[in-house]
């Protein structure tokens, strides 16, 4: 039997949106400098690249090299 501990009871990416956008809004209201925001656009792009690589690897049953 496999079990997983989920952060804050969230079990899917979609369930994280409220807390992520809330944090971003709070930091904008607080006038946090863009380079100090908890998650940048560059971070999001890198994560999306990894997600796409994982999907491609799974679908093709091959190791995918990310650039």
PDB file of N, CA and C in Angstrom:
ATOM      1  N   UNK A   1       0.841  -1.175   0.000  1.00  0.00           N
ATOM      2  CA  UNK A   1       0.000   0.000   0.000  1.00  0.00           C
ATOM      3  C   UNK A   1       0.885   1.237   0.000  1.00  0.00           C
ATOM      4  N   UNK A   2       0.602   2.170  -0.909  1.00  0.00           N
ATOM      5  CA  UNK A   2       1.337   3.421  -0.964  1.00  0.00           C
ATOM      6  C   UNK A   2       0.482   4.536  -0.390  1.00  0.00           C
ATOM      7  N   UNK A   3       1.100   5.389   0.394  1.00  0.00           N
ATOM      8  CA  UNK A   3       0.384   6.550   0.917  1.00  0.00           C
ATOM      9  C   UNK A   3       1.257   7.779   0.710  1.00  0.00           C
ATOM     10  N   UNK A   4       0.614   8.917   0.589  1.00  0.00           N
ATOM     11  CA  UNK A   4       1.317  10.169   0.380  1.00  0.00           C
ATOM     12  C   UNK A   4       0.755  11.224   1.313  1.00  0.00           C
ATOM     13  N   UNK A   5       1.632  12.045   1.850  1.00  0.00           N
ATOM     14  CA  UNK A   5       1.209  13.175   2.665  1.00  0.00           C
ATOM     15  C   UNK A   5       1.106  14.380   1.727  1.00  0.00           C
ATOM     16  N   UNK A   6      -0.069  14.955   1.629  1.00  0.00           N
ATOM     17  CA  UNK A   6      -0.277  16.076   0.734  1.00  0.00           C
ATOM     18  C   UNK A   6      -0.230  17.382   1.497  1.00  0.00           C
ATOM     19  N   UNK A   7       0.535  18.321   0.957  1.00  0.00           N
ATOM     20  CA  UNK A   7       0.694  19.629   1.564  1.00  0.00           C
ATOM     21  C   UNK A   7      -0.656  20.332   1.660  1.00  0.00           C
ATOM     22  N   UNK A   8      -1.076  20.642   2.846  1.00  0.00           N
ATOM     23  CA  UNK A   8      -2.309  21.378   3.042  1.00  0.00           C
ATOM     24  C   UNK A   8      -3.548  20.650   2.564  1.00  0.00           C
ATOM     25  N   UNK A   9      -3.471  19.344   2.382  1.00  0.00           N
ATOM     26  CA  UNK A   9      -4.612  18.579   1.925  1.00  0.00           C
ATOM     27  C   UNK A   9      -4.892  18.722   0.434  1.00  0.00           C
ATOM     28  N   UNK A  10      -3.998  19.398  -0.291  1.00  0.00           N
ATOM     29  CA  UNK A  10      -4.192  19.596  -1.727  1.00  0.00           C
ATOM     30  C   UNK A  10      -3.632  18.403  -2.480  1.00  0.00           C
ATOM     31  N   UNK A  11      -4.428  17.868  -3.400  1.00  0.00           N
ATOM     32  CA  UNK A  11      -4.018  16.652  -4.093  1.00  0.00           C
ATOM     33  C   UNK A  11      -3.793  16.859  -5.589  1.00  0.00           C
ATOM     34  N   UNK A  12      -4.035  18.056  -6.111  1.00  0.00           N
ATOM     35  CA  UNK A  12      -3.797  18.281  -7.531  1.00  0.00           C
ATOM     36  C   UNK A  12      -3.325  19.713  -7.747  1.00  0.00           C
ATOM     37  N   UNK A  13      -2.712  19.936  -8.910  1.00  0.00           N
ATOM     38  CA  UNK A  13      -2.194  21.257  -9.241  1.00  0.00           C
ATOM     39  C   UNK A  13      -3.301  22.301  -9.162  1.00  0.00           C
ATOM     40  N   UNK A  14      -4.470  21.975  -9.705  1.00  0.00           N
ATOM     41  CA  UNK A  14      -5.583  22.914  -9.697  1.00  0.00           C
ATOM     42  C   UNK A  14      -5.985  23.381  -8.315  1.00  0.00           C
ATOM     43  N   UNK A  15      -5.848  22.514  -7.340  1.00  0.00           N
ATOM     44  CA  UNK A  15      -6.212  22.862  -5.965  1.00  0.00           C
ATOM     45  C   UNK A  15      -5.248  23.859  -5.338  1.00  0.00           C
ATOM     46  N   UNK A  16      -4.078  24.038  -5.933  1.00  0.00           N
ATOM     47  CA  UNK A  16      -3.091  24.967  -5.376  1.00  0.00           C
ATOM     48  C   UNK A  16      -3.295  26.392  -5.853  1.00  0.00           C
ATOM     49  N   UNK A  17      -4.138  26.573  -6.889  1.00  0.00           N
ATOM     50  CA  UNK A  17      -4.250  27.889  -7.515  1.00  0.00           C
ATOM     51  C   UNK A  17      -4.654  28.977  -6.532  1.00  0.00           C
ATOM     52  N   UNK A  18      -5.661  28.721  -5.726  1.00  0.00           N
ATOM     53  CA  UNK A  18      -6.131  29.730  -4.777  1.00  0.00           C
ATOM     54  C   UNK A  18      -5.038  30.233  -3.857  1.00  0.00           C
ATOM     55  N   UNK A  19      -4.245  29.331  -3.310  1.00  0.00           N
ATOM     56  CA  UNK A  19      -3.187  29.765  -2.401  1.00  0.00           C
ATOM     57  C   UNK A  19      -2.054  30.448  -3.157  1.00  0.00           C
ATOM     58  N   UNK A  20      -1.753  29.963  -4.368  1.00  0.00           N
ATOM     59  CA  UNK A  20      -0.679  30.578  -5.146  1.00  0.00           C
ATOM     60  C   UNK A  20      -1.049  31.989  -5.574  1.00  0.00           C
ATOM     61  N   UNK A  21      -2.243  32.166  -6.131  1.00  0.00           N
ATOM     62  CA  UNK A  21      -2.645  33.491  -6.590  1.00  0.00           C
ATOM     63  C   UNK A  21      -2.849  34.421  -5.401  1.00  0.00           C
ATOM     64  N   UNK A  22      -3.339  33.874  -4.287  1.00  0.00           N
ATOM     65  CA  UNK A  22      -3.504  34.676  -3.078  1.00  0.00           C
ATOM     66  C   UNK A  22      -2.177  35.219  -2.571  1.00  0.00           C
ATOM     67  N   UNK A  23      -1.161  34.371  -2.567  1.00  0.00           N
ATOM     68  CA  UNK A  23       0.169  34.793  -2.118  1.00  0.00           C
ATOM     69  C   UNK A  23       0.721  35.869  -3.040  1.00  0.00           C
ATOM     70  N   UNK A  24       0.530  35.685  -4.361  1.00  0.00           N
ATOM     71  CA  UNK A  24       1.002  36.662  -5.338  1.00  0.00           C
ATOM     72  C   UNK A  24       0.311  38.013  -5.131  1.00  0.00           C
ATOM     73  N   UNK A  25      -1.005  37.984  -4.930  1.00  0.00           N
ATOM     74  CA  UNK A  25      -1.759  39.222  -4.696  1.00  0.00           C
ATOM     75  C   UNK A  25      -1.262  39.898  -3.414  1.00  0.00           C
ATOM     76  N   UNK A  26      -1.104  39.122  -2.351  1.00  0.00           N
ATOM     77  CA  UNK A  26      -0.622  39.682  -1.083  1.00  0.00           C
ATOM     78  C   UNK A  26       0.744  40.344  -1.258  1.00  0.00           C
ATOM     79  N   UNK A  27       1.630  39.695  -2.006  1.00  0.00           N
ATOM     80  CA  UNK A  27       2.963  40.262  -2.198  1.00  0.00           C
ATOM     81  C   UNK A  27       2.910  41.517  -3.070  1.00  0.00           C
ATOM     82  N   UNK A  28       2.004  41.578  -4.029  1.00  0.00           N
ATOM     83  CA  UNK A  28       1.851  42.784  -4.833  1.00  0.00           C
ATOM     84  C   UNK A  28       1.309  43.936  -3.991  1.00  0.00           C
ATOM     85  N   UNK A  29       0.332  43.653  -3.157  1.00  0.00           N
ATOM     86  CA  UNK A  29      -0.215  44.684  -2.269  1.00  0.00           C
ATOM     87  C   UNK A  29       0.874  45.212  -1.333  1.00  0.00           C
ATOM     88  N   UNK A  30       1.744  44.305  -0.881  1.00  0.00           N
ATOM     89  CA  UNK A  30       2.837  44.678   0.021  1.00  0.00           C
ATOM     90  C   UNK A  30       4.004  45.334  -0.726  1.00  0.00           C
ATOM     91  N   UNK A  31       3.870  45.474  -2.056  1.00  0.00           N
ATOM     92  CA  UNK A  31       4.892  46.092  -2.894  1.00  0.00           C
ATOM     93  C   UNK A  31       6.243  45.362  -2.824  1.00  0.00           C
ATOM     94  N   UNK A  32       6.167  44.033  -2.780  1.00  0.00           N
ATOM     95  CA  UNK A  32       7.378  43.210  -2.794  1.00  0.00           C
ATOM     96  C   UNK A  32       8.053  43.392  -4.158  1.00  0.00           C
ATOM     97  N   UNK A  33       9.356  43.553  -4.159  1.00  0.00           N
ATOM     98  CA  UNK A  33      10.106  43.712  -5.400  1.00  0.00           C
ATOM     99  C   UNK A  33       9.936  42.456  -6.256  1.00  0.00           C
ATOM    100  N   UNK A  34       9.836  42.616  -7.581  1.00  0.00           N
ATOM    101  CA  UNK A  34       9.637  41.453  -8.456  1.00  0.00           C
ATOM    102  C   UNK A  34      10.659  40.331  -8.230  1.00  0.00           C
ATOM    103  N   UNK A  35      11.902  40.698  -7.990  1.00  0.00           N
ATOM    104  CA  UNK A  35      12.932  39.670  -7.781  1.00  0.00           C
ATOM    105  C   UNK A  35      12.806  38.962  -6.431  1.00  0.00           C
ATOM    106  N   UNK A  36      11.953  39.470  -5.554  1.00  0.00           N
ATOM    107  CA  UNK A  36      11.751  38.860  -4.239  1.00  0.00           C
ATOM    108  C   UNK A  36      10.417  38.125  -4.113  1.00  0.00           C
ATOM    109  N   UNK A  37       9.604  38.148  -5.174  1.00  0.00           N
ATOM    110  CA  UNK A  37       8.329  37.427  -5.159  1.00  0.00           C
ATOM    111  C   UNK A  37       8.630  35.932  -5.044  1.00  0.00           C
ATOM    112  N   UNK A  38       7.793  35.218  -4.277  1.00  0.00           N
ATOM    113  CA  UNK A  38       8.055  33.807  -3.999  1.00  0.00           C
ATOM    114  C   UNK A  38       8.218  32.938  -5.239  1.00  0.00           C
ATOM    115  N   UNK A  39       7.501  33.204  -6.291  1.00  0.00           N
ATOM    116  CA  UNK A  39       7.627  32.406  -7.508  1.00  0.00           C
ATOM    117  C   UNK A  39       7.584  33.331  -8.715  1.00  0.00           C
ATOM    118  N   UNK A  40       8.648  33.315  -9.482  1.00  0.00           N
ATOM    119  CA  UNK A  40       8.743  34.186 -10.642  1.00  0.00           C
ATOM    120  C   UNK A  40       8.182  33.503 -11.884  1.00  0.00           C
ATOM    121  N   UNK A  41       8.018  34.277 -12.934  1.00  0.00           N
ATOM    122  CA  UNK A  41       7.629  33.713 -14.224  1.00  0.00           C
ATOM    123  C   UNK A  41       8.668  32.729 -14.721  1.00  0.00           C
ATOM    124  N   UNK A  42       9.940  33.016 -14.467  1.00  0.00           N
ATOM    125  CA  UNK A  42      11.020  32.108 -14.866  1.00  0.00           C
ATOM    126  C   UNK A  42      10.884  30.779 -14.131  1.00  0.00           C
ATOM    127  N   UNK A  43      10.555  30.824 -12.845  1.00  0.00           N
ATOM    128  CA  UNK A  43      10.324  29.591 -12.080  1.00  0.00           C
ATOM    129  C   UNK A  43       9.196  28.786 -12.708  1.00  0.00           C
ATOM    130  N   UNK A  44       8.107  29.464 -13.037  1.00  0.00           N
ATOM    131  CA  UNK A  44       6.951  28.786 -13.631  1.00  0.00           C
ATOM    132  C   UNK A  44       7.303  28.152 -14.963  1.00  0.00           C
ATOM    133  N   UNK A  45       8.082  28.855 -15.792  1.00  0.00           N
ATOM    134  CA  UNK A  45       8.491  28.318 -17.085  1.00  0.00           C
ATOM    135  C   UNK A  45       9.370  27.078 -16.912  1.00  0.00           C
ATOM    136  N   UNK A  46      10.285  27.121 -15.962  1.00  0.00           N
ATOM    137  CA  UNK A  46      11.142  25.962 -15.710  1.00  0.00           C
ATOM    138  C   UNK A  46      10.327  24.767 -15.224  1.00  0.00           C
ATOM    139  N   UNK A  47       9.371  25.002 -14.360  1.00  0.00           N
ATOM    140  CA  UNK A  47       8.520  23.912 -13.872  1.00  0.00           C
ATOM    141  C   UNK A  47       7.692  23.340 -15.013  1.00  0.00           C
ATOM    142  N   UNK A  48       7.145  24.213 -15.867  1.00  0.00           N
ATOM    143  CA  UNK A  48       6.347  23.735 -17.000  1.00  0.00           C
ATOM    144  C   UNK A  48       7.199  22.892 -17.944  1.00  0.00           C
ATOM    145  N   UNK A  49       8.449  23.282 -18.150  1.00  0.00           N
ATOM    146  CA  UNK A  49       9.364  22.503 -18.989  1.00  0.00           C
ATOM    147  C   UNK A  49       9.561  21.103 -18.406  1.00  0.00           C
ATOM    148  N   UNK A  50       9.719  21.025 -17.101  1.00  0.00           N
ATOM    149  CA  UNK A  50       9.886  19.728 -16.434  1.00  0.00           C
ATOM    150  C   UNK A  50       8.622  18.889 -16.572  1.00  0.00           C
ATOM    151  N   UNK A  51       7.468  19.508 -16.364  1.00  0.00           N
ATOM    152  CA  UNK A  51       6.198  18.786 -16.489  1.00  0.00           C
ATOM    153  C   UNK A  51       6.039  18.219 -17.895  1.00  0.00           C
ATOM    154  N   UNK A  52       6.320  19.039 -18.907  1.00  0.00           N
ATOM    155  CA  UNK A  52       6.207  18.577 -20.294  1.00  0.00           C
ATOM    156  C   UNK A  52       7.173  17.429 -20.564  1.00  0.00           C
ATOM    157  N   UNK A  53       8.379  17.509 -20.004  1.00  0.00           N
ATOM    158  CA  UNK A  53       9.350  16.426 -20.157  1.00  0.00           C
ATOM    159  C   UNK A  53       8.873  15.131 -19.523  1.00  0.00           C
ATOM    160  N   UNK A  54       8.279  15.240 -18.354  1.00  0.00           N
ATOM    161  CA  UNK A  54       7.752  14.054 -17.667  1.00  0.00           C
ATOM    162  C   UNK A  54       6.630  13.416 -18.482  1.00  0.00           C
ATOM    163  N   UNK A  55       5.735  14.246 -19.005  1.00  0.00           N
ATOM    164  CA  UNK A  55       4.634  13.722 -19.818  1.00  0.00           C
ATOM    165  C   UNK A  55       5.179  13.022 -21.064  1.00  0.00           C
ATOM    166  N   UNK A  56       6.118  13.673 -21.746  1.00  0.00           N
ATOM    167  CA  UNK A  56       6.710  13.081 -22.948  1.00  0.00           C
ATOM    168  C   UNK A  56       7.421  11.769 -22.616  1.00  0.00           C
ATOM    169  N   UNK A  57       8.156  11.741 -21.520  1.00  0.00           N
ATOM    170  CA  UNK A  57       8.850  10.529 -21.102  1.00  0.00           C
ATOM    171  C   UNK A  57       7.866   9.400 -20.830  1.00  0.00           C
ATOM    172  N   UNK A  58       6.793   9.722 -20.133  1.00  0.00           N
ATOM    173  CA  UNK A  58       5.774   8.722 -19.804  1.00  0.00           C
ATOM    174  C   UNK A  58       5.108   8.179 -21.068  1.00  0.00           C
ATOM    175  N   UNK A  59       4.739   9.075 -21.973  1.00  0.00           N
ATOM    176  CA  UNK A  59       4.038   8.663 -23.174  1.00  0.00           C
ATOM    177  C   UNK A  59       4.904   7.820 -24.098  1.00  0.00           C
ATOM    178  N   UNK A  60       6.201   8.136 -24.160  1.00  0.00           N
ATOM    179  CA  UNK A  60       7.111   7.440 -25.077  1.00  0.00           C
ATOM    180  C   UNK A  60       7.941   6.366 -24.398  1.00  0.00           C
ATOM    181  N   UNK A  61       7.792   6.237 -23.076  1.00  0.00           N
ATOM    182  CA  UNK A  61       8.562   5.264 -22.302  1.00  0.00           C
ATOM    183  C   UNK A  61      10.063   5.394 -22.575  1.00  0.00           C
ATOM    184  N   UNK A  62      10.521   6.658 -22.582  1.00  0.00           N
ATOM    185  CA  UNK A  62      11.925   6.960 -22.831  1.00  0.00           C
ATOM    186  C   UNK A  62      12.393   8.059 -21.897  1.00  0.00           C
ATOM    187  N   UNK A  63      13.698   8.094 -21.693  1.00  0.00           N
ATOM    188  CA  UNK A  63      14.295   9.180 -20.915  1.00  0.00           C
ATOM    189  C   UNK A  63      14.310  10.426 -21.796  1.00  0.00           C
ATOM    190  N   UNK A  64      13.920  11.553 -21.249  1.00  0.00           N
ATOM    191  CA  UNK A  64      13.895  12.814 -21.968  1.00  0.00           C
ATOM    192  C   UNK A  64      14.946  13.732 -21.366  1.00  0.00           C
ATOM    193  N   UNK A  65      15.767  14.323 -22.203  1.00  0.00           N
ATOM    194  CA  UNK A  65      16.770  15.281 -21.759  1.00  0.00           C
ATOM    195  C   UNK A  65      16.210  16.689 -21.922  1.00  0.00           C
ATOM    196  N   UNK A  66      16.207  17.454 -20.860  1.00  0.00           N
ATOM    197  CA  UNK A  66      15.694  18.818 -20.905  1.00  0.00           C
ATOM    198  C   UNK A  66      16.845  19.786 -21.139  1.00  0.00           C
ATOM    199  N   UNK A  67      16.569  20.806 -21.939  1.00  0.00           N
ATOM    200  CA  UNK A  67      17.604  21.813 -22.208  1.00  0.00           C
ATOM    201  C   UNK A  67      17.290  23.105 -21.515  1.00  0.00           C
TER     202      UNK A  67
END
